[in-house]
């Protein structure tokens, strides 16, 4: 399924939303590959209007995510992603 990240942010704030898979609301989302200035606004809404935990695994620090990598080089970012995948 495809959904615009702005609309997804709105849906994630709605406790009655059934989710993309119709199995109910989510308690955690992991983000990767969005423009920082855009995703930060979506995360600000989620932080202030939902109990959702958010993790951004992009290479730039995102202050409105519950957890985020710091600003890292592309090489360090790939190493961190590999380590994350190995630990799943």
PDB file of N, CA and C in Angstrom:
ATOM      1  N   UNK A   1       0.836  -1.183   0.000  1.00  0.00           N
ATOM      2  CA  UNK A   1       0.000   0.000   0.000  1.00  0.00           C
ATOM      3  C   UNK A   1       0.876   1.240   0.000  1.00  0.00           C
ATOM      4  N   UNK A   2       0.363   2.308  -0.562  1.00  0.00           N
ATOM      5  CA  UNK A   2       1.056   3.593  -0.569  1.00  0.00           C
ATOM      6  C   UNK A   2       0.246   4.597   0.236  1.00  0.00           C
ATOM      7  N   UNK A   3       0.941   5.391   1.032  1.00  0.00           N
ATOM      8  CA  UNK A   3       0.284   6.474   1.751  1.00  0.00           C
ATOM      9  C   UNK A   3       1.279   7.612   1.904  1.00  0.00           C
ATOM     10  N   UNK A   4       0.818   8.822   1.730  1.00  0.00           N
ATOM     11  CA  UNK A   4       1.628  10.017   1.922  1.00  0.00           C
ATOM     12  C   UNK A   4       2.010  10.117   3.396  1.00  0.00           C
ATOM     13  N   UNK A   5       3.252  10.491   3.689  1.00  0.00           N
ATOM     14  CA  UNK A   5       3.733  10.527   5.077  1.00  0.00           C
ATOM     15  C   UNK A   5       2.945  11.526   5.922  1.00  0.00           C
ATOM     16  N   UNK A   6       2.483  12.612   5.301  1.00  0.00           N
ATOM     17  CA  UNK A   6       1.677  13.590   6.037  1.00  0.00           C
ATOM     18  C   UNK A   6       0.353  12.970   6.489  1.00  0.00           C
ATOM     19  N   UNK A   7      -0.318  12.266   5.591  1.00  0.00           N
ATOM     20  CA  UNK A   7      -1.571  11.605   5.951  1.00  0.00           C
ATOM     21  C   UNK A   7      -1.322  10.469   6.936  1.00  0.00           C
ATOM     22  N   UNK A   8      -0.225   9.759   6.767  1.00  0.00           N
ATOM     23  CA  UNK A   8       0.113   8.691   7.701  1.00  0.00           C
ATOM     24  C   UNK A   8       0.278   9.249   9.110  1.00  0.00           C
ATOM     25  N   UNK A   9       0.944  10.403   9.224  1.00  0.00           N
ATOM     26  CA  UNK A   9       1.089  11.040  10.530  1.00  0.00           C
ATOM     27  C   UNK A   9      -0.252  11.361  11.165  1.00  0.00           C
ATOM     28  N   UNK A  10      -1.185  11.845  10.360  1.00  0.00           N
ATOM     29  CA  UNK A  10      -2.531  12.138  10.867  1.00  0.00           C
ATOM     30  C   UNK A  10      -3.236  10.863  11.313  1.00  0.00           C
ATOM     31  N   UNK A  11      -3.145   9.820  10.507  1.00  0.00           N
ATOM     32  CA  UNK A  11      -3.788   8.551  10.863  1.00  0.00           C
ATOM     33  C   UNK A  11      -3.171   7.954  12.125  1.00  0.00           C
ATOM     34  N   UNK A  12      -1.845   8.055  12.268  1.00  0.00           N
ATOM     35  CA  UNK A  12      -1.174   7.480  13.434  1.00  0.00           C
ATOM     36  C   UNK A  12      -1.593   8.155  14.736  1.00  0.00           C
ATOM     37  N   UNK A  13      -2.054   9.399  14.662  1.00  0.00           N
ATOM     38  CA  UNK A  13      -2.540  10.105  15.853  1.00  0.00           C
ATOM     39  C   UNK A  13      -3.957   9.692  16.235  1.00  0.00           C
ATOM     40  N   UNK A  14      -4.649   9.030  15.338  1.00  0.00           N
ATOM     41  CA  UNK A  14      -6.040   8.639  15.565  1.00  0.00           C
ATOM     42  C   UNK A  14      -6.100   7.264  16.235  1.00  0.00           C
ATOM     43  N   UNK A  15      -6.545   7.193  17.498  1.00  0.00           N
ATOM     44  CA  UNK A  15      -6.585   5.897  18.197  1.00  0.00           C
ATOM     45  C   UNK A  15      -7.590   4.907  17.605  1.00  0.00           C
ATOM     46  N   UNK A  16      -8.509   5.381  16.769  1.00  0.00           N
ATOM     47  CA  UNK A  16      -9.504   4.494  16.157  1.00  0.00           C
ATOM     48  C   UNK A  16      -9.064   3.960  14.800  1.00  0.00           C
ATOM     49  N   UNK A  17      -7.909   4.403  14.310  1.00  0.00           N
ATOM     50  CA  UNK A  17      -7.434   3.952  13.001  1.00  0.00           C
ATOM     51  C   UNK A  17      -7.035   2.481  13.087  1.00  0.00           C
ATOM     52  N   UNK A  18      -7.427   1.687  12.105  1.00  0.00           N
ATOM     53  CA  UNK A  18      -7.172   0.235  12.118  1.00  0.00           C
ATOM     54  C   UNK A  18      -5.770  -0.139  11.654  1.00  0.00           C
ATOM     55  N   UNK A  19      -4.992   0.797  11.172  1.00  0.00           N
ATOM     56  CA  UNK A  19      -3.649   0.493  10.687  1.00  0.00           C
ATOM     57  C   UNK A  19      -3.656   0.076   9.236  1.00  0.00           C
ATOM     58  N   UNK A  20      -2.483   0.016   8.638  1.00  0.00           N
ATOM     59  CA  UNK A  20      -2.360  -0.374   7.234  1.00  0.00           C
ATOM     60  C   UNK A  20      -2.746  -1.831   7.013  1.00  0.00           C
ATOM     61  N   UNK A  21      -2.601  -2.649   8.052  1.00  0.00           N
ATOM     62  CA  UNK A  21      -2.896  -4.080   7.932  1.00  0.00           C
ATOM     63  C   UNK A  21      -4.209  -4.476   8.605  1.00  0.00           C
ATOM     64  N   UNK A  22      -4.983  -3.488   9.035  1.00  0.00           N
ATOM     65  CA  UNK A  22      -6.271  -3.707   9.708  1.00  0.00           C
ATOM     66  C   UNK A  22      -6.151  -4.507  11.000  1.00  0.00           C
ATOM     67  N   UNK A  23      -4.991  -4.441  11.657  1.00  0.00           N
ATOM     68  CA  UNK A  23      -4.786  -5.141  12.929  1.00  0.00           C
ATOM     69  C   UNK A  23      -4.713  -4.191  14.114  1.00  0.00           C
ATOM     70  N   UNK A  24      -5.150  -2.956  13.947  1.00  0.00           N
ATOM     71  CA  UNK A  24      -5.169  -2.011  15.054  1.00  0.00           C
ATOM     72  C   UNK A  24      -4.026  -1.018  15.007  1.00  0.00           C
ATOM     73  N   UNK A  25      -4.017  -0.156  16.006  1.00  0.00           N
ATOM     74  CA  UNK A  25      -3.020   0.920  16.085  1.00  0.00           C
ATOM     75  C   UNK A  25      -1.624   0.360  16.351  1.00  0.00           C
ATOM     76  N   UNK A  26      -0.643   1.153  15.999  1.00  0.00           N
ATOM     77  CA  UNK A  26       0.750   0.786  16.225  1.00  0.00           C
ATOM     78  C   UNK A  26       1.248   1.450  17.500  1.00  0.00           C
ATOM     79  N   UNK A  27       2.262   0.860  18.125  1.00  0.00           N
ATOM     80  CA  UNK A  27       2.881   1.493  19.278  1.00  0.00           C
ATOM     81  C   UNK A  27       4.294   1.968  18.967  1.00  0.00           C
ATOM     82  N   UNK A  28       4.838   1.580  17.806  1.00  0.00           N
ATOM     83  CA  UNK A  28       6.193   1.962  17.408  1.00  0.00           C
ATOM     84  C   UNK A  28       6.274   2.024  15.887  1.00  0.00           C
ATOM     85  N   UNK A  29       6.947   3.057  15.379  1.00  0.00           N
ATOM     86  CA  UNK A  29       7.263   3.104  13.950  1.00  0.00           C
ATOM     87  C   UNK A  29       8.746   3.406  13.793  1.00  0.00           C
ATOM     88  N   UNK A  30       9.333   2.861  12.746  1.00  0.00           N
ATOM     89  CA  UNK A  30      10.735   3.094  12.410  1.00  0.00           C
ATOM     90  C   UNK A  30      10.767   3.770  11.052  1.00  0.00           C
ATOM     91  N   UNK A  31      11.492   4.874  10.963  1.00  0.00           N
ATOM     92  CA  UNK A  31      11.536   5.684   9.749  1.00  0.00           C
ATOM     93  C   UNK A  31      12.934   5.702   9.153  1.00  0.00           C
ATOM     94  N   UNK A  32      12.988   5.740   7.824  1.00  0.00           N
ATOM     95  CA  UNK A  32      14.256   5.835   7.109  1.00  0.00           C
ATOM     96  C   UNK A  32      13.993   6.448   5.745  1.00  0.00           C
ATOM     97  N   UNK A  33      14.816   7.411   5.349  1.00  0.00           N
ATOM     98  CA  UNK A  33      14.790   7.905   3.981  1.00  0.00           C
ATOM     99  C   UNK A  33      13.839   9.043   3.686  1.00  0.00           C
ATOM    100  N   UNK A  34      13.559   9.891   4.661  1.00  0.00           N
ATOM    101  CA  UNK A  34      12.705  11.048   4.410  1.00  0.00           C
ATOM    102  C   UNK A  34      13.518  12.327   4.557  1.00  0.00           C
ATOM    103  N   UNK A  35      13.091  13.387   3.888  1.00  0.00           N
ATOM    104  CA  UNK A  35      13.734  14.695   4.047  1.00  0.00           C
ATOM    105  C   UNK A  35      13.576  15.135   5.496  1.00  0.00           C
ATOM    106  N   UNK A  36      14.687  15.594   6.090  1.00  0.00           N
ATOM    107  CA  UNK A  36      14.686  15.920   7.509  1.00  0.00           C
ATOM    108  C   UNK A  36      13.664  16.993   7.853  1.00  0.00           C
ATOM    109  N   UNK A  37      13.594  18.055   7.075  1.00  0.00           N
ATOM    110  CA  UNK A  37      12.688  19.153   7.406  1.00  0.00           C
ATOM    111  C   UNK A  37      11.225  18.722   7.319  1.00  0.00           C
ATOM    112  N   UNK A  38      10.927  17.736   6.497  1.00  0.00           N
ATOM    113  CA  UNK A  38       9.548  17.287   6.332  1.00  0.00           C
ATOM    114  C   UNK A  38       9.166  16.270   7.404  1.00  0.00           C
ATOM    115  N   UNK A  39      10.007  15.276   7.611  1.00  0.00           N
ATOM    116  CA  UNK A  39       9.685  14.234   8.585  1.00  0.00           C
ATOM    117  C   UNK A  39       9.690  14.789  10.004  1.00  0.00           C
ATOM    118  N   UNK A  40      10.507  15.810  10.251  1.00  0.00           N
ATOM    119  CA  UNK A  40      10.559  16.402  11.577  1.00  0.00           C
ATOM    120  C   UNK A  40       9.222  17.041  11.953  1.00  0.00           C
ATOM    121  N   UNK A  41       8.534  17.625  10.982  1.00  0.00           N
ATOM    122  CA  UNK A  41       7.217  18.206  11.249  1.00  0.00           C
ATOM    123  C   UNK A  41       6.187  17.113  11.556  1.00  0.00           C
ATOM    124  N   UNK A  42       6.245  16.022  10.808  1.00  0.00           N
ATOM    125  CA  UNK A  42       5.339  14.895  11.067  1.00  0.00           C
ATOM    126  C   UNK A  42       5.619  14.320  12.454  1.00  0.00           C
ATOM    127  N   UNK A  43       6.895  14.157  12.794  1.00  0.00           N
ATOM    128  CA  UNK A  43       7.258  13.616  14.105  1.00  0.00           C
ATOM    129  C   UNK A  43       6.860  14.556  15.237  1.00  0.00           C
ATOM    130  N   UNK A  44       6.889  15.849  14.994  1.00  0.00           N
ATOM    131  CA  UNK A  44       6.451  16.811  16.000  1.00  0.00           C
ATOM    132  C   UNK A  44       4.978  16.599  16.333  1.00  0.00           C
ATOM    133  N   UNK A  45       4.169  16.395  15.309  1.00  0.00           N
ATOM    134  CA  UNK A  45       2.754  16.115  15.542  1.00  0.00           C
ATOM    135  C   UNK A  45       2.548  14.821  16.303  1.00  0.00           C
ATOM    136  N   UNK A  46       3.294  13.788  15.933  1.00  0.00           N
ATOM    137  CA  UNK A  46       3.169  12.500  16.624  1.00  0.00           C
ATOM    138  C   UNK A  46       3.612  12.609  18.079  1.00  0.00           C
ATOM    139  N   UNK A  47       4.684  13.358  18.318  1.00  0.00           N
ATOM    140  CA  UNK A  47       5.204  13.515  19.674  1.00  0.00           C
ATOM    141  C   UNK A  47       4.199  14.233  20.574  1.00  0.00           C
ATOM    142  N   UNK A  48       3.505  15.224  20.021  1.00  0.00           N
ATOM    143  CA  UNK A  48       2.605  16.041  20.824  1.00  0.00           C
ATOM    144  C   UNK A  48       1.167  15.534  20.893  1.00  0.00           C
ATOM    145  N   UNK A  49       0.761  14.697  19.946  1.00  0.00           N
ATOM    146  CA  UNK A  49      -0.643  14.304  19.893  1.00  0.00           C
ATOM    147  C   UNK A  49      -0.875  12.795  19.896  1.00  0.00           C
ATOM    148  N   UNK A  50       0.150  12.016  20.242  1.00  0.00           N
ATOM    149  CA  UNK A  50      -0.027  10.564  20.331  1.00  0.00           C
ATOM    150  C   UNK A  50       0.953   9.987  21.350  1.00  0.00           C
ATOM    151  N   UNK A  51       0.741   8.736  21.702  1.00  0.00           N
ATOM    152  CA  UNK A  51       1.655   8.019  22.603  1.00  0.00           C
ATOM    153  C   UNK A  51       2.622   7.143  21.820  1.00  0.00           C
ATOM    154  N   UNK A  52       2.649   7.303  20.522  1.00  0.00           N
ATOM    155  CA  UNK A  52       3.463   6.488  19.630  1.00  0.00           C
ATOM    156  C   UNK A  52       4.954   6.751  19.850  1.00  0.00           C
ATOM    157  N   UNK A  53       5.746   5.701  19.889  1.00  0.00           N
ATOM    158  CA  UNK A  53       7.200   5.819  19.946  1.00  0.00           C
ATOM    159  C   UNK A  53       7.728   5.816  18.516  1.00  0.00           C
ATOM    160  N   UNK A  54       8.689   6.684  18.232  1.00  0.00           N
ATOM    161  CA  UNK A  54       9.219   6.815  16.874  1.00  0.00           C
ATOM    162  C   UNK A  54      10.735   6.677  16.892  1.00  0.00           C
ATOM    163  N   UNK A  55      11.256   5.926  15.945  1.00  0.00           N
ATOM    164  CA  UNK A  55      12.699   5.744  15.801  1.00  0.00           C
ATOM    165  C   UNK A  55      13.074   6.132  14.380  1.00  0.00           C
ATOM    166  N   UNK A  56      13.997   7.062  14.256  1.00  0.00           N
ATOM    167  CA  UNK A  56      14.490   7.452  12.939  1.00  0.00           C
ATOM    168  C   UNK A  56      15.890   6.875  12.777  1.00  0.00           C
ATOM    169  N   UNK A  57      16.064   6.014  11.773  1.00  0.00           N
ATOM    170  CA  UNK A  57      17.369   5.394  11.552  1.00  0.00           C
ATOM    171  C   UNK A  57      18.070   6.001  10.336  1.00  0.00           C
ATOM    172  N   UNK A  58      17.713   7.242  10.019  1.00  0.00           N
ATOM    173  CA  UNK A  58      18.409   7.978   8.971  1.00  0.00           C
ATOM    174  C   UNK A  58      19.753   8.464   9.484  1.00  0.00           C
ATOM    175  N   UNK A  59      20.566   9.026   8.597  1.00  0.00           N
ATOM    176  CA  UNK A  59      21.921   9.426   9.000  1.00  0.00           C
ATOM    177  C   UNK A  59      21.992  10.800   9.650  1.00  0.00           C
ATOM    178  N   UNK A  60      20.855  11.485   9.760  1.00  0.00           N
ATOM    179  CA  UNK A  60      20.830  12.801  10.395  1.00  0.00           C
ATOM    180  C   UNK A  60      20.004  12.752  11.674  1.00  0.00           C
ATOM    181  N   UNK A  61      20.464  13.476  12.688  1.00  0.00           N
ATOM    182  CA  UNK A  61      19.736  13.565  13.953  1.00  0.00           C
ATOM    183  C   UNK A  61      18.373  14.215  13.720  1.00  0.00           C
ATOM    184  N   UNK A  62      17.346  13.651  14.323  1.00  0.00           N
ATOM    185  CA  UNK A  62      15.993  14.191  14.215  1.00  0.00           C
ATOM    186  C   UNK A  62      15.469  14.421  15.625  1.00  0.00           C
ATOM    187  N   UNK A  63      15.352  15.680  16.022  1.00  0.00           N
ATOM    188  CA  UNK A  63      15.048  16.010  17.409  1.00  0.00           C
ATOM    189  C   UNK A  63      13.650  15.612  17.859  1.00  0.00           C
ATOM    190  N   UNK A  64      12.704  15.462  16.968  1.00  0.00           N
ATOM    191  CA  UNK A  64      11.346  15.108  17.379  1.00  0.00           C
ATOM    192  C   UNK A  64      11.085  13.604  17.408  1.00  0.00           C
ATOM    193  N   UNK A  65      12.051  12.799  17.037  1.00  0.00           N
ATOM    194  CA  UNK A  65      11.911  11.346  17.148  1.00  0.00           C
ATOM    195  C   UNK A  65      12.185  10.931  18.594  1.00  0.00           C
ATOM    196  N   UNK A  66      11.547   9.854  19.034  1.00  0.00           N
ATOM    197  CA  UNK A  66      11.825   9.329  20.363  1.00  0.00           C
ATOM    198  C   UNK A  66      13.282   8.882  20.452  1.00  0.00           C
ATOM    199  N   UNK A  67      13.778   8.273  19.387  1.00  0.00           N
ATOM    200  CA  UNK A  67      15.163   7.817  19.305  1.00  0.00           C
ATOM    201  C   UNK A  67      15.669   8.072  17.895  1.00  0.00           C
ATOM    202  N   UNK A  68      16.897   8.557  17.788  1.00  0.00           N
ATOM    203  CA  UNK A  68      17.451   8.884  16.480  1.00  0.00           C
ATOM    204  C   UNK A  68      18.960   8.701  16.504  1.00  0.00           C
ATOM    205  N   UNK A  69      19.520   8.318  15.359  1.00  0.00           N
ATOM    206  CA  UNK A  69      20.972   8.357  15.223  1.00  0.00           C
ATOM    207  C   UNK A  69      21.408   9.817  15.305  1.00  0.00           C
ATOM    208  N   UNK A  70      22.661  10.046  15.655  1.00  0.00           N
ATOM    209  CA  UNK A  70      23.208  11.391  15.562  1.00  0.00           C
ATOM    210  C   UNK A  70      23.568  11.680  14.114  1.00  0.00           C
ATOM    211  N   UNK A  71      24.122  12.849  13.855  1.00  0.00           N
ATOM    212  CA  UNK A  71      24.608  13.146  12.508  1.00  0.00           C
ATOM    213  C   UNK A  71      25.860  12.311  12.276  1.00  0.00           C
ATOM    214  N   UNK A  72      25.779  11.377  11.342  1.00  0.00           N
ATOM    215  CA  UNK A  72      26.892  10.464  11.093  1.00  0.00           C
ATOM    216  C   UNK A  72      27.267  10.484   9.618  1.00  0.00           C
ATOM    217  N   UNK A  73      28.476  10.046   9.339  1.00  0.00           N
ATOM    218  CA  UNK A  73      28.929   9.948   7.953  1.00  0.00           C
ATOM    219  C   UNK A  73      28.214   8.784   7.274  1.00  0.00           C
ATOM    220  N   UNK A  74      28.166   8.775   5.953  1.00  0.00           N
ATOM    221  CA  UNK A  74      27.518   7.652   5.258  1.00  0.00           C
ATOM    222  C   UNK A  74      28.111   6.292   5.626  1.00  0.00           C
ATOM    223  N   UNK A  75      29.425   6.233   5.836  1.00  0.00           N
ATOM    224  CA  UNK A  75      30.067   4.965   6.184  1.00  0.00           C
ATOM    225  C   UNK A  75      29.616   4.479   7.560  1.00  0.00           C
ATOM    226  N   UNK A  76      29.606   5.380   8.530  1.00  0.00           N
ATOM    227  CA  UNK A  76      29.175   5.026   9.885  1.00  0.00           C
ATOM    228  C   UNK A  76      27.692   4.658   9.884  1.00  0.00           C
ATOM    229  N   UNK A  77      26.909   5.355   9.077  1.00  0.00           N
ATOM    230  CA  UNK A  77      25.479   5.065   8.983  1.00  0.00           C
ATOM    231  C   UNK A  77      25.245   3.642   8.476  1.00  0.00           C
ATOM    232  N   UNK A  78      25.953   3.252   7.427  1.00  0.00           N
ATOM    233  CA  UNK A  78      25.808   1.892   6.895  1.00  0.00           C
ATOM    234  C   UNK A  78      26.245   0.842   7.914  1.00  0.00           C
ATOM    235  N   UNK A  79      27.321   1.127   8.645  1.00  0.00           N
ATOM    236  CA  UNK A  79      27.771   0.202   9.691  1.00  0.00           C
ATOM    237  C   UNK A  79      26.705   0.059  10.781  1.00  0.00           C
ATOM    238  N   UNK A  80      26.099   1.180  11.169  1.00  0.00           N
ATOM    239  CA  UNK A  80      25.058   1.148  12.198  1.00  0.00           C
ATOM    240  C   UNK A  80      23.831   0.372  11.716  1.00  0.00           C
ATOM    241  N   UNK A  81      23.452   0.558  10.454  1.00  0.00           N
ATOM    242  CA  UNK A  81      22.320  -0.192   9.905  1.00  0.00           C
ATOM    243  C   UNK A  81      22.628  -1.686   9.849  1.00  0.00           C
ATOM    244  N   UNK A  82      23.855  -2.033   9.458  1.00  0.00           N
ATOM    245  CA  UNK A  82      24.254  -3.445   9.444  1.00  0.00           C
ATOM    246  C   UNK A  82      24.187  -4.046  10.844  1.00  0.00           C
ATOM    247  N   UNK A  83      24.653  -3.291  11.833  1.00  0.00           N
ATOM    248  CA  UNK A  83      24.607  -3.773  13.215  1.00  0.00           C
ATOM    249  C   UNK A  83      23.162  -3.932  13.685  1.00  0.00           C
ATOM    250  N   UNK A  84      22.316  -2.989  13.321  1.00  0.00           N
ATOM    251  CA  UNK A  84      20.900  -3.083  13.668  1.00  0.00           C
ATOM    252  C   UNK A  84      20.264  -4.329  13.056  1.00  0.00           C
ATOM    253  N   UNK A  85      20.540  -4.579  11.787  1.00  0.00           N
ATOM    254  CA  UNK A  85      19.995  -5.756  11.094  1.00  0.00           C
ATOM    255  C   UNK A  85      20.500  -7.041  11.740  1.00  0.00           C
ATOM    256  N   UNK A  86      21.784  -7.075  12.094  1.00  0.00           N
ATOM    257  CA  UNK A  86      22.350  -8.264  12.732  1.00  0.00           C
ATOM    258  C   UNK A  86      21.697  -8.560  14.084  1.00  0.00           C
ATOM    259  N   UNK A  87      21.222  -7.517  14.762  1.00  0.00           N
ATOM    260  CA  UNK A  87      20.630  -7.691  16.091  1.00  0.00           C
ATOM    261  C   UNK A  87      19.124  -7.918  16.071  1.00  0.00           C
ATOM    262  N   UNK A  88      18.529  -7.925  14.907  1.00  0.00           N
ATOM    263  CA  UNK A  88      17.074  -8.166  14.835  1.00  0.00           C
ATOM    264  C   UNK A  88      16.762  -9.638  14.996  1.00  0.00           C
TER     265      UNK A  88
END
